Amino acid sequence: VLTGRFVEAFHYNPCIYLWILLAAYVGWQRYIRGKK
């Protein structure tokens, strides 16, 4: 994913995209908004 090879990423573990979305949500809430 970090190197832009999205199909290969999906092949190795399709759930990586869910983890990235979750990390983005938690990071946004924690660091940008300052909330839990």
PDB file of all heavy atoms in Angstrom:
ATOM      1  N   VAL A   1       0.844  -1.199   0.000  1.00  0.00           N
ATOM      2  CA  VAL A   1       0.000   0.000   0.000  1.00  0.00           C
ATOM      3  C   VAL A   1       0.881   1.252   0.000  1.00  0.00           C
ATOM      4  O   VAL A   1       0.656   2.185  -0.776  1.00  0.00           O
ATOM      5  CB  VAL A   1      -0.963   0.020   1.210  1.00  0.00           C
ATOM      6  CG1 VAL A   1      -1.602   1.397   1.380  1.00  0.00           C
ATOM      7  CG2 VAL A   1      -2.036  -1.040   1.071  1.00  0.00           C
ATOM      8  N   LEU A   2       1.889   1.254   0.863  1.00  0.00           N
ATOM      9  CA  LEU A   2       2.759   2.423   0.980  1.00  0.00           C
ATOM     10  C   LEU A   2       3.577   2.679  -0.283  1.00  0.00           C
ATOM     11  O   LEU A   2       4.029   3.804  -0.507  1.00  0.00           O
ATOM     12  CB  LEU A   2       3.685   2.283   2.190  1.00  0.00           C
ATOM     13  CG  LEU A   2       2.991   2.277   3.550  1.00  0.00           C
ATOM     14  CD1 LEU A   2       3.984   1.993   4.668  1.00  0.00           C
ATOM     15  CD2 LEU A   2       2.247   3.581   3.791  1.00  0.00           C
ATOM     16  N   THR A   3       3.763   1.651  -1.096  1.00  0.00           N
ATOM     17  CA  THR A   3       4.512   1.813  -2.346  1.00  0.00           C
ATOM     18  C   THR A   3       3.591   1.864  -3.563  1.00  0.00           C
ATOM     19  O   THR A   3       4.059   1.754  -4.693  1.00  0.00           O
ATOM     20  CB  THR A   3       5.565   0.698  -2.504  1.00  0.00           C
ATOM     21  OG1 THR A   3       4.927  -0.583  -2.445  1.00  0.00           O
ATOM     22  CG2 THR A   3       6.627   0.789  -1.424  1.00  0.00           C
ATOM     23  N   GLY A   4       2.287   2.014  -3.310  1.00  0.00           N
ATOM     24  CA  GLY A   4       1.340   2.200  -4.407  1.00  0.00           C
ATOM     25  C   GLY A   4       0.973   0.942  -5.174  1.00  0.00           C
ATOM     26  O   GLY A   4       0.392   1.026  -6.253  1.00  0.00           O
ATOM     27  N   ARG A   5       1.252  -0.219  -4.617  1.00  0.00           N
ATOM     28  CA  ARG A   5       0.942  -1.489  -5.290  1.00  0.00           C
ATOM     29  C   ARG A   5      -0.300  -2.091  -4.620  1.00  0.00           C
ATOM     30  O   ARG A   5      -0.231  -3.061  -3.885  1.00  0.00           O
ATOM     31  CB  ARG A   5       2.163  -2.395  -5.215  1.00  0.00           C
ATOM     32  CG  ARG A   5       3.338  -1.778  -5.989  1.00  0.00           C
ATOM     33  CD  ARG A   5       4.670  -2.359  -5.657  1.00  0.00           C
ATOM     34  NE  ARG A   5       4.753  -3.778  -5.930  1.00  0.00           N
ATOM     35  CZ  ARG A   5       5.784  -4.525  -5.557  1.00  0.00           C
ATOM     36  NH1 ARG A   5       6.781  -3.988  -4.896  1.00  0.00           N
ATOM     37  NH2 ARG A   5       5.800  -5.809  -5.813  1.00  0.00           N
ATOM     38  N   PHE A   6      -1.441  -1.509  -4.946  1.00  0.00           N
ATOM     39  CA  PHE A   6      -2.682  -1.787  -4.233  1.00  0.00           C
ATOM     40  C   PHE A   6      -3.244  -3.178  -4.506  1.00  0.00           C
ATOM     41  O   PHE A   6      -3.809  -3.799  -3.617  1.00  0.00           O
ATOM     42  CB  PHE A   6      -3.711  -0.700  -4.549  1.00  0.00           C
ATOM     43  CG  PHE A   6      -3.185   0.672  -4.219  1.00  0.00           C
ATOM     44  CD1 PHE A   6      -2.914   1.571  -5.230  1.00  0.00           C
ATOM     45  CD2 PHE A   6      -2.936   1.040  -2.912  1.00  0.00           C
ATOM     46  CE1 PHE A   6      -2.420   2.831  -4.925  1.00  0.00           C
ATOM     47  CE2 PHE A   6      -2.438   2.296  -2.602  1.00  0.00           C
ATOM     48  CZ  PHE A   6      -2.178   3.194  -3.618  1.00  0.00           C
ATOM     49  N   VAL A   7      -3.086  -3.691  -5.710  1.00  0.00           N
ATOM     50  CA  VAL A   7      -3.580  -5.035  -6.025  1.00  0.00           C
ATOM     51  C   VAL A   7      -2.774  -6.082  -5.265  1.00  0.00           C
ATOM     52  O   VAL A   7      -3.339  -7.028  -4.699  1.00  0.00           O
ATOM     53  CB  VAL A   7      -3.540  -5.297  -7.550  1.00  0.00           C
ATOM     54  CG1 VAL A   7      -3.894  -6.735  -7.877  1.00  0.00           C
ATOM     55  CG2 VAL A   7      -4.478  -4.335  -8.274  1.00  0.00           C
ATOM     56  N   GLU A   8      -1.451  -5.910  -5.228  1.00  0.00           N
ATOM     57  CA  GLU A   8      -0.612  -6.842  -4.484  1.00  0.00           C
ATOM     58  C   GLU A   8      -0.956  -6.795  -2.992  1.00  0.00           C
ATOM     59  O   GLU A   8      -0.982  -7.826  -2.322  1.00  0.00           O
ATOM     60  CB  GLU A   8       0.879  -6.536  -4.668  1.00  0.00           C
ATOM     61  CG  GLU A   8       1.406  -6.878  -6.036  1.00  0.00           C
ATOM     62  CD  GLU A   8       1.468  -5.658  -6.952  1.00  0.00           C
ATOM     63  OE1 GLU A   8       0.646  -4.718  -6.768  1.00  0.00           O
ATOM     64  OE2 GLU A   8       2.303  -5.655  -7.852  1.00  0.00           O
ATOM     65  N   ALA A   9      -1.238  -5.595  -2.479  1.00  0.00           N
ATOM     66  CA  ALA A   9      -1.620  -5.453  -1.076  1.00  0.00           C
ATOM     67  C   ALA A   9      -2.887  -6.245  -0.789  1.00  0.00           C
ATOM     68  O   ALA A   9      -2.965  -6.980   0.203  1.00  0.00           O
ATOM     69  CB  ALA A   9      -1.832  -3.984  -0.721  1.00  0.00           C
ATOM     70  N   PHE A  10      -3.868  -6.120  -1.656  1.00  0.00           N
ATOM     71  CA  PHE A  10      -5.130  -6.847  -1.490  1.00  0.00           C
ATOM     72  C   PHE A  10      -4.881  -8.352  -1.516  1.00  0.00           C
ATOM     73  O   PHE A  10      -5.470  -9.103  -0.740  1.00  0.00           O
ATOM     74  CB  PHE A  10      -6.115  -6.446  -2.591  1.00  0.00           C
ATOM     75  CG  PHE A  10      -7.483  -7.005  -2.376  1.00  0.00           C
ATOM     76  CD1 PHE A  10      -8.393  -6.342  -1.576  1.00  0.00           C
ATOM     77  CD2 PHE A  10      -7.865  -8.205  -2.968  1.00  0.00           C
ATOM     78  CE1 PHE A  10      -9.670  -6.865  -1.365  1.00  0.00           C
ATOM     79  CE2 PHE A  10      -9.132  -8.731  -2.767  1.00  0.00           C
ATOM     80  CZ  PHE A  10     -10.032  -8.056  -1.958  1.00  0.00           C
ATOM     81  N   HIS A  11      -3.984  -8.806  -2.385  1.00  0.00           N
ATOM     82  CA  HIS A  11      -3.668 -10.237  -2.473  1.00  0.00           C
ATOM     83  C   HIS A  11      -3.071 -10.753  -1.166  1.00  0.00           C
ATOM     84  O   HIS A  11      -3.429 -11.834  -0.707  1.00  0.00           O
ATOM     85  CB  HIS A  11      -2.686 -10.495  -3.628  1.00  0.00           C
ATOM     86  CG  HIS A  11      -2.101 -11.865  -3.611  1.00  0.00           C
ATOM     87  ND1 HIS A  11      -2.821 -12.977  -3.987  1.00  0.00           N
ATOM     88  CD2 HIS A  11      -0.883 -12.311  -3.231  1.00  0.00           C
ATOM     89  CE1 HIS A  11      -2.054 -14.057  -3.835  1.00  0.00           C
ATOM     90  NE2 HIS A  11      -0.880 -13.674  -3.380  1.00  0.00           N
ATOM     91  N   TYR A  12      -2.179  -9.991  -0.569  1.00  0.00           N
ATOM     92  CA  TYR A  12      -1.509 -10.472   0.641  1.00  0.00           C
ATOM     93  C   TYR A  12      -2.397 -10.425   1.870  1.00  0.00           C
ATOM     94  O   TYR A  12      -2.331 -11.315   2.706  1.00  0.00           O
ATOM     95  CB  TYR A  12      -0.197  -9.712   0.886  1.00  0.00           C
ATOM     96  CG  TYR A  12       0.938 -10.395   0.172  1.00  0.00           C
ATOM     97  CD1 TYR A  12       1.292 -10.028  -1.111  1.00  0.00           C
ATOM     98  CD2 TYR A  12       1.622 -11.436   0.766  1.00  0.00           C
ATOM     99  CE1 TYR A  12       2.309 -10.675  -1.783  1.00  0.00           C
ATOM    100  CE2 TYR A  12       2.646 -12.101   0.111  1.00  0.00           C
ATOM    101  CZ  TYR A  12       2.981 -11.710  -1.165  1.00  0.00           C
ATOM    102  OH  TYR A  12       3.974 -12.368  -1.821  1.00  0.00           O
ATOM    103  N   ASN A  13      -3.199  -9.396   2.007  1.00  0.00           N
ATOM    104  CA  ASN A  13      -4.181  -9.373   3.087  1.00  0.00           C
ATOM    105  C   ASN A  13      -5.180  -8.252   2.810  1.00  0.00           C
ATOM    106  O   ASN A  13      -4.887  -7.089   3.059  1.00  0.00           O
ATOM    107  CB  ASN A  13      -3.547  -9.201   4.468  1.00  0.00           C
ATOM    108  CG  ASN A  13      -4.507  -9.630   5.555  1.00  0.00           C
ATOM    109  OD1 ASN A  13      -5.692  -9.348   5.493  1.00  0.00           O
ATOM    110  ND2 ASN A  13      -3.995 -10.326   6.558  1.00  0.00           N
ATOM    111  N   PRO A  14      -6.356  -8.613   2.292  1.00  0.00           N
ATOM    112  CA  PRO A  14      -7.337  -7.591   1.918  1.00  0.00           C
ATOM    113  C   PRO A  14      -7.806  -6.729   3.097  1.00  0.00           C
ATOM    114  O   PRO A  14      -8.252  -5.600   2.883  1.00  0.00           O
ATOM    115  CB  PRO A  14      -8.489  -8.388   1.319  1.00  0.00           C
ATOM    116  CG  PRO A  14      -8.304  -9.785   1.764  1.00  0.00           C
ATOM    117  CD  PRO A  14      -6.842  -9.963   2.030  1.00  0.00           C
ATOM    118  N   CYS A  15      -7.670  -7.227   4.302  1.00  0.00           N
ATOM    119  CA  CYS A  15      -8.119  -6.459   5.469  1.00  0.00           C
ATOM    120  C   CYS A  15      -7.195  -5.302   5.803  1.00  0.00           C
ATOM    121  O   CYS A  15      -7.530  -4.475   6.658  1.00  0.00           O
ATOM    122  CB  CYS A  15      -8.282  -7.380   6.671  1.00  0.00           C
ATOM    123  SG  CYS A  15      -9.655  -8.529   6.461  1.00  0.00           S
ATOM    124  N   ILE A  16      -6.063  -5.192   5.125  1.00  0.00           N
ATOM    125  CA  ILE A  16      -5.152  -4.084   5.397  1.00  0.00           C
ATOM    126  C   ILE A  16      -5.852  -2.745   5.193  1.00  0.00           C
ATOM    127  O   ILE A  16      -5.611  -1.791   5.925  1.00  0.00           O
ATOM    128  CB  ILE A  16      -3.858  -4.177   4.559  1.00  0.00           C
ATOM    129  CG1 ILE A  16      -2.803  -3.212   5.098  1.00  0.00           C
ATOM    130  CG2 ILE A  16      -4.109  -3.928   3.087  1.00  0.00           C
ATOM    131  CD1 ILE A  16      -2.316  -3.520   6.479  1.00  0.00           C
ATOM    132  N   TYR A  17      -6.764  -2.691   4.231  1.00  0.00           N
ATOM    133  CA  TYR A  17      -7.471  -1.438   3.966  1.00  0.00           C
ATOM    134  C   TYR A  17      -8.398  -1.065   5.129  1.00  0.00           C
ATOM    135  O   TYR A  17      -8.543   0.120   5.448  1.00  0.00           O
ATOM    136  CB  TYR A  17      -8.235  -1.522   2.651  1.00  0.00           C
ATOM    137  CG  TYR A  17      -7.296  -1.673   1.483  1.00  0.00           C
ATOM    138  CD1 TYR A  17      -7.168  -2.887   0.826  1.00  0.00           C
ATOM    139  CD2 TYR A  17      -6.511  -0.609   1.072  1.00  0.00           C
ATOM    140  CE1 TYR A  17      -6.287  -3.033  -0.232  1.00  0.00           C
ATOM    141  CE2 TYR A  17      -5.628  -0.744   0.019  1.00  0.00           C
ATOM    142  CZ  TYR A  17      -5.513  -1.959  -0.632  1.00  0.00           C
ATOM    143  OH  TYR A  17      -4.630  -2.098  -1.667  1.00  0.00           O
ATOM    144  N   LEU A  18      -8.992  -2.063   5.763  1.00  0.00           N
ATOM    145  CA  LEU A  18      -9.826  -1.792   6.941  1.00  0.00           C
ATOM    146  C   LEU A  18      -8.975  -1.284   8.099  1.00  0.00           C
ATOM    147  O   LEU A  18      -9.377  -0.363   8.817  1.00  0.00           O
ATOM    148  CB  LEU A  18     -10.597  -3.049   7.346  1.00  0.00           C
ATOM    149  CG  LEU A  18     -11.593  -3.587   6.321  1.00  0.00           C
ATOM    150  CD1 LEU A  18     -12.176  -4.913   6.798  1.00  0.00           C
ATOM    151  CD2 LEU A  18     -12.677  -2.570   6.046  1.00  0.00           C
ATOM    152  N   TRP A  19      -7.799  -1.891   8.289  1.00  0.00           N
ATOM    153  CA  TRP A  19      -6.904  -1.445   9.356  1.00  0.00           C
ATOM    154  C   TRP A  19      -6.422  -0.019   9.110  1.00  0.00           C
ATOM    155  O   TRP A  19      -6.319   0.780  10.048  1.00  0.00           O
ATOM    156  CB  TRP A  19      -5.716  -2.389   9.514  1.00  0.00           C
ATOM    157  CG  TRP A  19      -6.080  -3.701  10.116  1.00  0.00           C
ATOM    158  CD1 TRP A  19      -5.982  -4.937   9.540  1.00  0.00           C
ATOM    159  CD2 TRP A  19      -6.622  -3.938  11.423  1.00  0.00           C
ATOM    160  NE1 TRP A  19      -6.432  -5.903  10.405  1.00  0.00           N
ATOM    161  CE2 TRP A  19      -6.820  -5.319  11.574  1.00  0.00           C
ATOM    162  CE3 TRP A  19      -6.959  -3.096  12.489  1.00  0.00           C
ATOM    163  CZ2 TRP A  19      -7.340  -5.889  12.734  1.00  0.00           C
ATOM    164  CZ3 TRP A  19      -7.484  -3.670  13.649  1.00  0.00           C
ATOM    165  CH2 TRP A  19      -7.658  -5.050  13.756  1.00  0.00           C
ATOM    166  N   ILE A  20      -6.133   0.306   7.844  1.00  0.00           N
ATOM    167  CA  ILE A  20      -5.680   1.661   7.524  1.00  0.00           C
ATOM    168  C   ILE A  20      -6.786   2.667   7.809  1.00  0.00           C
ATOM    169  O   ILE A  20      -6.533   3.737   8.380  1.00  0.00           O
ATOM    170  CB  ILE A  20      -5.196   1.737   6.058  1.00  0.00           C
ATOM    171  CG1 ILE A  20      -3.879   0.961   5.912  1.00  0.00           C
ATOM    172  CG2 ILE A  20      -5.032   3.189   5.609  1.00  0.00           C
ATOM    173  CD1 ILE A  20      -3.428   0.760   4.480  1.00  0.00           C
ATOM    174  N   LEU A  21      -8.014   2.344   7.404  1.00  0.00           N
ATOM    175  CA  LEU A  21      -9.142   3.244   7.684  1.00  0.00           C
ATOM    176  C   LEU A  21      -9.335   3.428   9.188  1.00  0.00           C
ATOM    177  O   LEU A  21      -9.574   4.551   9.663  1.00  0.00           O
ATOM    178  CB  LEU A  21     -10.424   2.711   7.047  1.00  0.00           C
ATOM    179  CG  LEU A  21     -10.519   2.830   5.531  1.00  0.00           C
ATOM    180  CD1 LEU A  21     -11.756   2.098   5.027  1.00  0.00           C
ATOM    181  CD2 LEU A  21     -10.536   4.290   5.106  1.00  0.00           C
ATOM    182  N   LEU A  22      -9.241   2.342   9.942  1.00  0.00           N
ATOM    183  CA  LEU A  22      -9.381   2.430  11.393  1.00  0.00           C
ATOM    184  C   LEU A  22      -8.265   3.284  11.998  1.00  0.00           C
ATOM    185  O   LEU A  22      -8.521   4.141  12.848  1.00  0.00           O
ATOM    186  CB  LEU A  22      -9.381   1.027  12.015  1.00  0.00           C
ATOM    187  CG  LEU A  22      -9.502   0.975  13.531  1.00  0.00           C
ATOM    188  CD1 LEU A  22     -10.811   1.600  14.005  1.00  0.00           C
ATOM    189  CD2 LEU A  22      -9.405  -0.469  14.010  1.00  0.00           C
ATOM    190  N   ALA A  23      -7.037   3.074  11.557  1.00  0.00           N
ATOM    191  CA  ALA A  23      -5.907   3.861  12.065  1.00  0.00           C
ATOM    192  C   ALA A  23      -6.083   5.341  11.721  1.00  0.00           C
ATOM    193  O   ALA A  23      -5.793   6.218  12.545  1.00  0.00           O
ATOM    194  CB  ALA A  23      -4.592   3.338  11.499  1.00  0.00           C
ATOM    195  N   ALA A  24      -6.576   5.627  10.522  1.00  0.00           N
ATOM    196  CA  ALA A  24      -6.814   7.019  10.119  1.00  0.00           C
ATOM    197  C   ALA A  24      -7.881   7.655  11.002  1.00  0.00           C
ATOM    198  O   ALA A  24      -7.732   8.802  11.452  1.00  0.00           O
ATOM    199  CB  ALA A  24      -7.213   7.080   8.649  1.00  0.00           C
ATOM    200  N   TYR A  25      -8.946   6.917  11.272  1.00  0.00           N
ATOM    201  CA  TYR A  25     -10.016   7.430  12.131  1.00  0.00           C
ATOM    202  C   TYR A  25      -9.501   7.710  13.541  1.00  0.00           C
ATOM    203  O   TYR A  25      -9.708   8.795  14.087  1.00  0.00           O
ATOM    204  CB  TYR A  25     -11.186   6.432  12.170  1.00  0.00           C
ATOM    205  CG  TYR A  25     -12.173   6.712  13.273  1.00  0.00           C
ATOM    206  CD1 TYR A  25     -12.981   7.847  13.230  1.00  0.00           C
ATOM    207  CD2 TYR A  25     -12.290   5.861  14.365  1.00  0.00           C
ATOM    208  CE1 TYR A  25     -13.883   8.119  14.258  1.00  0.00           C
ATOM    209  CE2 TYR A  25     -13.190   6.122  15.386  1.00  0.00           C
ATOM    210  CZ  TYR A  25     -13.982   7.247  15.331  1.00  0.00           C
ATOM    211  OH  TYR A  25     -14.866   7.514  16.337  1.00  0.00           O
ATOM    212  N   VAL A  26      -8.810   6.736  14.118  1.00  0.00           N
ATOM    213  CA  VAL A  26      -8.296   6.900  15.483  1.00  0.00           C
ATOM    214  C   VAL A  26      -7.274   8.034  15.520  1.00  0.00           C
ATOM    215  O   VAL A  26      -7.286   8.874  16.428  1.00  0.00           O
ATOM    216  CB  VAL A  26      -7.700   5.579  16.015  1.00  0.00           C
ATOM    217  CG1 VAL A  26      -6.958   5.792  17.326  1.00  0.00           C
ATOM    218  CG2 VAL A  26      -8.791   4.539  16.179  1.00  0.00           C
ATOM    219  N   GLY A  27      -6.378   8.083  14.534  1.00  0.00           N
ATOM    220  CA  GLY A  27      -5.378   9.149  14.476  1.00  0.00           C
ATOM    221  C   GLY A  27      -6.011  10.527  14.334  1.00  0.00           C
ATOM    222  O   GLY A  27      -5.598  11.485  14.997  1.00  0.00           O
ATOM    223  N   TRP A  28      -7.012  10.634  13.482  1.00  0.00           N
ATOM    224  CA  TRP A  28      -7.713  11.904  13.303  1.00  0.00           C
ATOM    225  C   TRP A  28      -8.353  12.353  14.618  1.00  0.00           C
ATOM    226  O   TRP A  28      -8.197  13.500  15.026  1.00  0.00           O
ATOM    227  CB  TRP A  28      -8.772  11.763  12.207  1.00  0.00           C
ATOM    228  CG  TRP A  28      -9.552  13.018  11.991  1.00  0.00           C
ATOM    229  CD1 TRP A  28     -10.752  13.352  12.549  1.00  0.00           C
ATOM    230  CD2 TRP A  28      -9.174  14.132  11.190  1.00  0.00           C
ATOM    231  NE1 TRP A  28     -11.144  14.599  12.138  1.00  0.00           N
ATOM    232  CE2 TRP A  28     -10.192  15.104  11.295  1.00  0.00           C
ATOM    233  CE3 TRP A  28      -8.075  14.405  10.386  1.00  0.00           C
ATOM    234  CZ2 TRP A  28     -10.135  16.316  10.627  1.00  0.00           C
ATOM    235  CZ3 TRP A  28      -8.022  15.618   9.720  1.00  0.00           C
ATOM    236  CH2 TRP A  28      -9.047  16.551   9.847  1.00  0.00           C
ATOM    237  N   GLN A  29      -9.060  11.421  15.237  1.00  0.00           N
ATOM    238  CA  GLN A  29      -9.731  11.765  16.501  1.00  0.00           C
ATOM    239  C   GLN A  29      -8.712  12.143  17.577  1.00  0.00           C
ATOM    240  O   GLN A  29      -8.883  13.142  18.273  1.00  0.00           O
ATOM    241  CB  GLN A  29     -10.598  10.595  16.981  1.00  0.00           C
ATOM    242  CG  GLN A  29     -11.818  10.333  16.137  1.00  0.00           C
ATOM    243  CD  GLN A  29     -12.802  11.472  16.166  1.00  0.00           C
ATOM    244  OE1 GLN A  29     -12.880  12.254  15.240  1.00  0.00           O
ATOM    245  NE2 GLN A  29     -13.551  11.582  17.241  1.00  0.00           N
ATOM    246  N   ARG A  30      -7.677  11.330  17.722  1.00  0.00           N
ATOM    247  CA  ARG A  30      -6.708  11.520  18.808  1.00  0.00           C
ATOM    248  C   ARG A  30      -5.834  12.750  18.603  1.00  0.00           C
ATOM    249  O   ARG A  30      -5.659  13.563  19.506  1.00  0.00           O
ATOM    250  CB  ARG A  30      -5.822  10.265  18.920  1.00  0.00           C
ATOM    251  CG  ARG A  30      -4.627  10.420  19.841  1.00  0.00           C
ATOM    252  CD  ARG A  30      -5.029  10.364  21.292  1.00  0.00           C
ATOM    253  NE  ARG A  30      -3.872  10.579  22.116  1.00  0.00           N
ATOM    254  CZ  ARG A  30      -3.748  11.595  22.959  1.00  0.00           C
ATOM    255  NH1 ARG A  30      -4.719  12.467  23.101  1.00  0.00           N
ATOM    256  NH2 ARG A  30      -2.669  11.735  23.688  1.00  0.00           N
ATOM    257  N   TYR A  31      -5.262  12.876  17.432  1.00  0.00           N
ATOM    258  CA  TYR A  31      -4.256  13.916  17.237  1.00  0.00           C
ATOM    259  C   TYR A  31      -4.825  15.216  16.672  1.00  0.00           C
ATOM    260  O   TYR A  31      -4.455  16.287  17.139  1.00  0.00           O
ATOM    261  CB  TYR A  31      -3.111  13.386  16.365  1.00  0.00           C
ATOM    262  CG  TYR A  31      -2.447  12.225  17.033  1.00  0.00           C
ATOM    263  CD1 TYR A  31      -2.577  10.942  16.533  1.00  0.00           C
ATOM    264  CD2 TYR A  31      -1.747  12.391  18.225  1.00  0.00           C
ATOM    265  CE1 TYR A  31      -2.006   9.857  17.177  1.00  0.00           C
ATOM    266  CE2 TYR A  31      -1.178  11.320  18.883  1.00  0.00           C
ATOM    267  CZ  TYR A  31      -1.307  10.054  18.356  1.00  0.00           C
ATOM    268  OH  TYR A  31      -0.753   8.999  19.009  1.00  0.00           O
ATOM    269  N   ILE A  32      -5.705  15.150  15.714  1.00  0.00           N
ATOM    270  CA  ILE A  32      -6.232  16.369  15.104  1.00  0.00           C
ATOM    271  C   ILE A  32      -7.335  16.981  15.971  1.00  0.00           C
ATOM    272  O   ILE A  32      -7.310  18.171  16.272  1.00  0.00           O
ATOM    273  CB  ILE A  32      -6.765  16.100  13.677  1.00  0.00           C
ATOM    274  CG1 ILE A  32      -5.682  15.423  12.813  1.00  0.00           C
ATOM    275  CG2 ILE A  32      -7.282  17.384  13.022  1.00  0.00           C
ATOM    276  CD1 ILE A  32      -4.400  16.191  12.672  1.00  0.00           C
ATOM    277  N   ARG A  33      -8.287  16.150  16.374  1.00  0.00           N
ATOM    278  CA  ARG A  33      -9.413  16.672  17.166  1.00  0.00           C
ATOM    279  C   ARG A  33      -9.126  16.692  18.660  1.00  0.00           C
ATOM    280  O   ARG A  33      -9.811  17.382  19.416  1.00  0.00           O
ATOM    281  CB  ARG A  33     -10.661  15.838  16.884  1.00  0.00           C
ATOM    282  CG  ARG A  33     -11.084  15.970  15.412  1.00  0.00           C
ATOM    283  CD  ARG A  33     -12.451  15.489  15.113  1.00  0.00           C
ATOM    284  NE  ARG A  33     -13.450  16.300  15.792  1.00  0.00           N
ATOM    285  CZ  ARG A  33     -14.583  15.803  16.258  1.00  0.00           C
ATOM    286  NH1 ARG A  33     -14.867  14.533  16.107  1.00  0.00           N
ATOM    287  NH2 ARG A  33     -15.456  16.582  16.851  1.00  0.00           N
ATOM    288  N   GLY A  34      -8.155  15.891  19.121  1.00  0.00           N
ATOM    289  CA  GLY A  34      -7.823  15.858  20.541  1.00  0.00           C
ATOM    290  C   GLY A  34      -8.866  15.162  21.382  1.00  0.00           C
ATOM    291  O   GLY A  34      -9.024  15.464  22.561  1.00  0.00           O
ATOM    292  N   LYS A  35      -9.587  14.226  20.769  1.00  0.00           N
ATOM    293  CA  LYS A  35     -10.644  13.509  21.474  1.00  0.00           C
ATOM    294  C   LYS A  35     -10.401  12.013  21.413  1.00  0.00           C
ATOM    295  O   LYS A  35      -9.643  11.525  20.590  1.00  0.00           O
ATOM    296  CB  LYS A  35     -12.000  13.811  20.829  1.00  0.00           C
ATOM    297  CG  LYS A  35     -12.397  15.261  20.907  1.00  0.00           C
ATOM    298  CD  LYS A  35     -13.739  15.487  20.281  1.00  0.00           C
ATOM    299  CE  LYS A  35     -14.141  16.946  20.442  1.00  0.00           C
ATOM    300  NZ  LYS A  35     -15.474  17.188  19.971  1.00  0.00           N
ATOM    301  N   LYS A  36     -11.105  11.312  22.285  1.00  0.00           N
ATOM    302  CA  LYS A  36     -11.075   9.856  22.256  1.00  0.00           C
ATOM    303  C   LYS A  36     -11.869   9.387  21.036  1.00  0.00           C
ATOM    304  O   LYS A  36     -12.918   9.951  20.718  1.00  0.00           O
ATOM    305  CB  LYS A  36     -11.690   9.297  23.536  1.00  0.00           C
ATOM    306  CG  LYS A  36     -11.588   7.808  23.652  1.00  0.00           C
ATOM    307  CD  LYS A  36     -12.127   7.330  24.996  1.00  0.00           C
ATOM    308  CE  LYS A  36     -12.021   5.830  25.051  1.00  0.00           C
ATOM    309  NZ  LYS A  36     -12.531   5.293  26.295  1.00  0.00           N
TER     310      LYS A  36
END
